[in-house]
Amino acid sequence: MTDEILTLKEVAAYLKLAEKTAYKLAAEGKLPGFKVGGSWRFKKEDIESWIEQRKTGQKD
């Protein structure tokens, strides 16, 4: 288990998305993240779980 925290820019690169798209998904609650001082942060473990859910066709 990892407690690695990613920035919006890092998550966008990890998912191969535009930063604007990653921001929109986070703001809509579709991408698991949280704000720290107005900036989005993401637990890598949560992002990996989110990917796995989509691969198996599960929803939130």
PDB file of N, CA and C in Angstrom:
ATOM      1  N   MET A   1       0.849  -1.176   0.000  1.00  0.00           N
ATOM      2  CA  MET A   1       0.000   0.000   0.000  1.00  0.00           C
ATOM      3  C   MET A   1       0.894   1.238   0.000  1.00  0.00           C
ATOM      4  N   THR A   2       0.467   2.231  -0.758  1.00  0.00           N
ATOM      5  CA  THR A   2       1.247   3.463  -0.843  1.00  0.00           C
ATOM      6  C   THR A   2       0.373   4.657  -0.467  1.00  0.00           C
ATOM      7  N   ASP A   3       0.962   5.616   0.193  1.00  0.00           N
ATOM      8  CA  ASP A   3       0.249   6.838   0.552  1.00  0.00           C
ATOM      9  C   ASP A   3       0.716   7.988  -0.326  1.00  0.00           C
ATOM     10  N   GLU A   4       1.213   7.652  -1.516  1.00  0.00           N
ATOM     11  CA  GLU A   4       1.724   8.675  -2.415  1.00  0.00           C
ATOM     12  C   GLU A   4       0.600   9.624  -2.830  1.00  0.00           C
ATOM     13  N   ILE A   5       0.885  10.910  -2.733  1.00  0.00           N
ATOM     14  CA  ILE A   5      -0.073  11.955  -3.105  1.00  0.00           C
ATOM     15  C   ILE A   5       0.393  12.592  -4.415  1.00  0.00           C
ATOM     16  N   LEU A   6      -0.531  12.717  -5.344  1.00  0.00           N
ATOM     17  CA  LEU A   6      -0.230  13.290  -6.657  1.00  0.00           C
ATOM     18  C   LEU A   6      -0.911  14.641  -6.827  1.00  0.00           C
ATOM     19  N   THR A   7      -0.288  15.506  -7.591  1.00  0.00           N
ATOM     20  CA  THR A   7      -0.890  16.787  -7.952  1.00  0.00           C
ATOM     21  C   THR A   7      -1.798  16.582  -9.166  1.00  0.00           C
ATOM     22  N   LEU A   8      -2.558  17.596  -9.499  1.00  0.00           N
ATOM     23  CA  LEU A   8      -3.414  17.537 -10.676  1.00  0.00           C
ATOM     24  C   LEU A   8      -2.580  17.270 -11.929  1.00  0.00           C
ATOM     25  N   LYS A   9      -1.464  17.939 -12.042  1.00  0.00           N
ATOM     26  CA  LYS A   9      -0.586  17.769 -13.203  1.00  0.00           C
ATOM     27  C   LYS A   9      -0.077  16.332 -13.296  1.00  0.00           C
ATOM     28  N   GLU A  10       0.302  15.760 -12.155  1.00  0.00           N
ATOM     29  CA  GLU A  10       0.805  14.383 -12.130  1.00  0.00           C
ATOM     30  C   GLU A  10      -0.294  13.376 -12.470  1.00  0.00           C
ATOM     31  N   VAL A  11      -1.508  13.606 -11.949  1.00  0.00           N
ATOM     32  CA  VAL A  11      -2.627  12.716 -12.265  1.00  0.00           C
ATOM     33  C   VAL A  11      -2.966  12.788 -13.744  1.00  0.00           C
ATOM     34  N   ALA A  12      -2.972  13.980 -14.297  1.00  0.00           N
ATOM     35  CA  ALA A  12      -3.261  14.147 -15.723  1.00  0.00           C
ATOM     36  C   ALA A  12      -2.231  13.384 -16.559  1.00  0.00           C
ATOM     37  N   ALA A  13      -0.970  13.484 -16.199  1.00  0.00           N
ATOM     38  CA  ALA A  13       0.077  12.767 -16.926  1.00  0.00           C
ATOM     39  C   ALA A  13      -0.081  11.256 -16.743  1.00  0.00           C
ATOM     40  N   TYR A  14      -0.367  10.826 -15.534  1.00  0.00           N
ATOM     41  CA  TYR A  14      -0.537   9.410 -15.216  1.00  0.00           C
ATOM     42  C   TYR A  14      -1.676   8.789 -16.030  1.00  0.00           C
ATOM     43  N   LEU A  15      -2.786   9.535 -16.159  1.00  0.00           N
ATOM     44  CA  LEU A  15      -3.953   9.058 -16.902  1.00  0.00           C
ATOM     45  C   LEU A  15      -3.900   9.432 -18.382  1.00  0.00           C
ATOM     46  N   LYS A  16      -2.854  10.153 -18.753  1.00  0.00           N
ATOM     47  CA  LYS A  16      -2.684  10.630 -20.131  1.00  0.00           C
ATOM     48  C   LYS A  16      -3.886  11.466 -20.580  1.00  0.00           C
ATOM     49  N   LEU A  17      -4.230  12.411 -19.722  1.00  0.00           N
ATOM     50  CA  LEU A  17      -5.321  13.357 -19.980  1.00  0.00           C
ATOM     51  C   LEU A  17      -4.772  14.773 -20.008  1.00  0.00           C
ATOM     52  N   ALA A  18      -5.533  15.670 -20.599  1.00  0.00           N
ATOM     53  CA  ALA A  18      -5.199  17.087 -20.491  1.00  0.00           C
ATOM     54  C   ALA A  18      -5.483  17.506 -19.049  1.00  0.00           C
ATOM     55  N   GLU A  19      -4.706  18.440 -18.528  1.00  0.00           N
ATOM     56  CA  GLU A  19      -4.919  18.917 -17.157  1.00  0.00           C
ATOM     57  C   GLU A  19      -6.340  19.455 -16.990  1.00  0.00           C
ATOM     58  N   LYS A  20      -6.837  20.123 -17.999  1.00  0.00           N
ATOM     59  CA  LYS A  20      -8.189  20.692 -17.943  1.00  0.00           C
ATOM     60  C   LYS A  20      -9.235  19.583 -17.777  1.00  0.00           C
ATOM     61  N   THR A  21      -9.049  18.463 -18.454  1.00  0.00           N
ATOM     62  CA  THR A  21      -9.974  17.336 -18.351  1.00  0.00           C
ATOM     63  C   THR A  21      -9.915  16.718 -16.958  1.00  0.00           C
ATOM     64  N   ALA A  22      -8.713  16.536 -16.431  1.00  0.00           N
ATOM     65  CA  ALA A  22      -8.550  15.983 -15.084  1.00  0.00           C
ATOM     66  C   ALA A  22      -9.196  16.911 -14.059  1.00  0.00           C
ATOM     67  N   TYR A  23      -9.019  18.214 -14.222  1.00  0.00           N
ATOM     68  CA  TYR A  23      -9.621  19.183 -13.314  1.00  0.00           C
ATOM     69  C   TYR A  23     -11.154  19.084 -13.351  1.00  0.00           C
ATOM     70  N   LYS A  24     -11.697  19.009 -14.561  1.00  0.00           N
ATOM     71  CA  LYS A  24     -13.149  18.925 -14.726  1.00  0.00           C
ATOM     72  C   LYS A  24     -13.696  17.661 -14.059  1.00  0.00           C
ATOM     73  N   LEU A  25     -13.042  16.520 -14.274  1.00  0.00           N
ATOM     74  CA  LEU A  25     -13.490  15.259 -13.666  1.00  0.00           C
ATOM     75  C   LEU A  25     -13.435  15.336 -12.142  1.00  0.00           C
ATOM     76  N   ALA A  26     -12.384  15.938 -11.605  1.00  0.00           N
ATOM     77  CA  ALA A  26     -12.254  16.081 -10.152  1.00  0.00           C
ATOM     78  C   ALA A  26     -13.339  17.008  -9.614  1.00  0.00           C
ATOM     79  N   ALA A  27     -13.546  18.131 -10.278  1.00  0.00           N
ATOM     80  CA  ALA A  27     -14.534  19.112  -9.831  1.00  0.00           C
ATOM     81  C   ALA A  27     -15.951  18.541  -9.865  1.00  0.00           C
ATOM     82  N   GLU A  28     -16.216  17.641 -10.808  1.00  0.00           N
ATOM     83  CA  GLU A  28     -17.535  17.015 -10.931  1.00  0.00           C
ATOM     84  C   GLU A  28     -17.682  15.822  -9.990  1.00  0.00           C
ATOM     85  N   GLY A  29     -16.617  15.485  -9.271  1.00  0.00           N
ATOM     86  CA  GLY A  29     -16.664  14.350  -8.351  1.00  0.00           C
ATOM     87  C   GLY A  29     -16.512  13.006  -9.039  1.00  0.00           C
ATOM     88  N   LYS A  30     -16.107  13.011 -10.285  1.00  0.00           N
ATOM     89  CA  LYS A  30     -15.946  11.768 -11.044  1.00  0.00           C
ATOM     90  C   LYS A  30     -14.561  11.158 -10.880  1.00  0.00           C
ATOM     91  N   LEU A  31     -13.625  11.940 -10.409  1.00  0.00           N
ATOM     92  CA  LEU A  31     -12.255  11.487 -10.162  1.00  0.00           C
ATOM     93  C   LEU A  31     -11.993  11.695  -8.674  1.00  0.00           C
ATOM     94  N   PRO A  32     -11.570  10.640  -7.966  1.00  0.00           N
ATOM     95  CA  PRO A  32     -11.416  10.761  -6.506  1.00  0.00           C
ATOM     96  C   PRO A  32     -10.235  11.649  -6.116  1.00  0.00           C
ATOM     97  N   GLY A  33     -10.545  12.773  -5.514  1.00  0.00           N
ATOM     98  CA  GLY A  33      -9.499  13.693  -5.096  1.00  0.00           C
ATOM     99  C   GLY A  33      -9.995  14.585  -3.978  1.00  0.00           C
ATOM    100  N   PHE A  34      -9.113  15.435  -3.501  1.00  0.00           N
ATOM    101  CA  PHE A  34      -9.471  16.362  -2.424  1.00  0.00           C
ATOM    102  C   PHE A  34      -8.659  17.631  -2.607  1.00  0.00           C
ATOM    103  N   LYS A  35      -9.162  18.701  -2.033  1.00  0.00           N
ATOM    104  CA  LYS A  35      -8.481  19.986  -2.154  1.00  0.00           C
ATOM    105  C   LYS A  35      -7.680  20.292  -0.898  1.00  0.00           C
ATOM    106  N   VAL A  36      -6.490  20.819  -1.112  1.00  0.00           N
ATOM    107  CA  VAL A  36      -5.628  21.291  -0.030  1.00  0.00           C
ATOM    108  C   VAL A  36      -5.252  22.719  -0.391  1.00  0.00           C
ATOM    109  N   GLY A  37      -5.743  23.659   0.382  1.00  0.00           N
ATOM    110  CA  GLY A  37      -5.438  25.065   0.102  1.00  0.00           C
ATOM    111  C   GLY A  37      -5.855  25.508  -1.280  1.00  0.00           C
ATOM    112  N   GLY A  38      -6.941  24.951  -1.788  1.00  0.00           N
ATOM    113  CA  GLY A  38      -7.435  25.350  -3.101  1.00  0.00           C
ATOM    114  C   GLY A  38      -6.844  24.577  -4.262  1.00  0.00           C
ATOM    115  N   SER A  39      -5.897  23.685  -3.997  1.00  0.00           N
ATOM    116  CA  SER A  39      -5.271  22.884  -5.050  1.00  0.00           C
ATOM    117  C   SER A  39      -5.702  21.425  -4.924  1.00  0.00           C
ATOM    118  N   TRP A  40      -5.966  20.791  -6.042  1.00  0.00           N
ATOM    119  CA  TRP A  40      -6.375  19.390  -6.037  1.00  0.00           C
ATOM    120  C   TRP A  40      -5.199  18.479  -5.735  1.00  0.00           C
ATOM    121  N   ARG A  41      -5.480  17.438  -4.933  1.00  0.00           N
ATOM    122  CA  ARG A  41      -4.511  16.390  -4.626  1.00  0.00           C
ATOM    123  C   ARG A  41      -5.227  15.054  -4.737  1.00  0.00           C
ATOM    124  N   PHE A  42      -4.476  14.009  -5.055  1.00  0.00           N
ATOM    125  CA  PHE A  42      -5.048  12.697  -5.291  1.00  0.00           C
ATOM    126  C   PHE A  42      -4.148  11.625  -4.681  1.00  0.00           C
ATOM    127  N   LYS A  43      -4.774  10.662  -3.997  1.00  0.00           N
ATOM    128  CA  LYS A  43      -4.013   9.519  -3.501  1.00  0.00           C
ATOM    129  C   LYS A  43      -3.845   8.554  -4.669  1.00  0.00           C
ATOM    130  N   LYS A  44      -2.611   8.167  -4.937  1.00  0.00           N
ATOM    131  CA  LYS A  44      -2.346   7.278  -6.070  1.00  0.00           C
ATOM    132  C   LYS A  44      -3.153   5.987  -5.946  1.00  0.00           C
ATOM    133  N   GLU A  45      -3.258   5.484  -4.738  1.00  0.00           N
ATOM    134  CA  GLU A  45      -4.018   4.256  -4.467  1.00  0.00           C
ATOM    135  C   GLU A  45      -5.487   4.428  -4.882  1.00  0.00           C
ATOM    136  N   ASP A  46      -6.080   5.596  -4.608  1.00  0.00           N
ATOM    137  CA  ASP A  46      -7.476   5.860  -4.997  1.00  0.00           C
ATOM    138  C   ASP A  46      -7.625   5.927  -6.512  1.00  0.00           C
ATOM    139  N   ILE A  47      -6.652   6.512  -7.178  1.00  0.00           N
ATOM    140  CA  ILE A  47      -6.686   6.606  -8.645  1.00  0.00           C
ATOM    141  C   ILE A  47      -6.591   5.211  -9.255  1.00  0.00           C
ATOM    142  N   GLU A  48      -5.722   4.373  -8.702  1.00  0.00           N
ATOM    143  CA  GLU A  48      -5.577   3.008  -9.219  1.00  0.00           C
ATOM    144  C   GLU A  48      -6.859   2.201  -9.006  1.00  0.00           C
ATOM    145  N   SER A  49      -7.525   2.389  -7.866  1.00  0.00           N
ATOM    146  CA  SER A  49      -8.813   1.716  -7.605  1.00  0.00           C
ATOM    147  C   SER A  49      -9.873   2.210  -8.590  1.00  0.00           C
ATOM    148  N   TRP A  50      -9.866   3.511  -8.846  1.00  0.00           N
ATOM    149  CA  TRP A  50     -10.808   4.123  -9.788  1.00  0.00           C
ATOM    150  C   TRP A  50     -10.622   3.512 -11.189  1.00  0.00           C
ATOM    151  N   ILE A  51      -9.378   3.322 -11.594  1.00  0.00           N
ATOM    152  CA  ILE A  51      -9.081   2.705 -12.900  1.00  0.00           C
ATOM    153  C   ILE A  51      -9.621   1.277 -12.932  1.00  0.00           C
ATOM    154  N   GLU A  52      -9.354   0.505 -11.886  1.00  0.00           N
ATOM    155  CA  GLU A  52      -9.807  -0.888 -11.826  1.00  0.00           C
ATOM    156  C   GLU A  52     -11.329  -0.989 -11.896  1.00  0.00           C
ATOM    157  N   GLN A  53     -12.023  -0.077 -11.231  1.00  0.00           N
ATOM    158  CA  GLN A  53     -13.493  -0.084 -11.280  1.00  0.00           C
ATOM    159  C   GLN A  53     -13.986   0.120 -12.701  1.00  0.00           C
ATOM    160  N   ARG A  54     -13.344   0.985 -13.424  1.00  0.00           N
ATOM    161  CA  ARG A  54     -13.770   1.259 -14.798  1.00  0.00           C
ATOM    162  C   ARG A  54     -13.436   0.091 -15.714  1.00  0.00           C
ATOM    163  N   LYS A  55     -12.342  -0.606 -15.448  1.00  0.00           N
ATOM    164  CA  LYS A  55     -11.973  -1.759 -16.275  1.00  0.00           C
ATOM    165  C   LYS A  55     -12.986  -2.878 -16.129  1.00  0.00           C
ATOM    166  N   THR A  56     -13.563  -3.028 -14.944  1.00  0.00           N
ATOM    167  CA  THR A  56     -14.514  -4.110 -14.697  1.00  0.00           C
ATOM    168  C   THR A  56     -15.953  -3.665 -14.933  1.00  0.00           C
ATOM    169  N   GLY A  57     -16.142  -2.405 -15.309  1.00  0.00           N
ATOM    170  CA  GLY A  57     -17.482  -1.906 -15.632  1.00  0.00           C
ATOM    171  C   GLY A  57     -18.279  -1.475 -14.416  1.00  0.00           C
ATOM    172  N   GLN A  58     -17.649  -1.415 -13.249  1.00  0.00           N
ATOM    173  CA  GLN A  58     -18.356  -0.978 -12.043  1.00  0.00           C
ATOM    174  C   GLN A  58     -18.427   0.540 -12.027  1.00  0.00           C
ATOM    175  N   LYS A  59     -19.436   1.049 -11.348  1.00  0.00           N
ATOM    176  CA  LYS A  59     -19.564   2.488 -11.145  1.00  0.00           C
ATOM    177  C   LYS A  59     -19.292   2.808  -9.699  1.00  0.00           C
ATOM    178  N   ASP A  60     -19.137   4.097  -9.390  1.00  0.00           N
ATOM    179  CA  ASP A  60     -18.843   4.549  -8.023  1.00  0.00           C
ATOM    180  C   ASP A  60     -19.831   4.081  -7.074  1.00  0.00           C
TER     181      ASP A  60
END
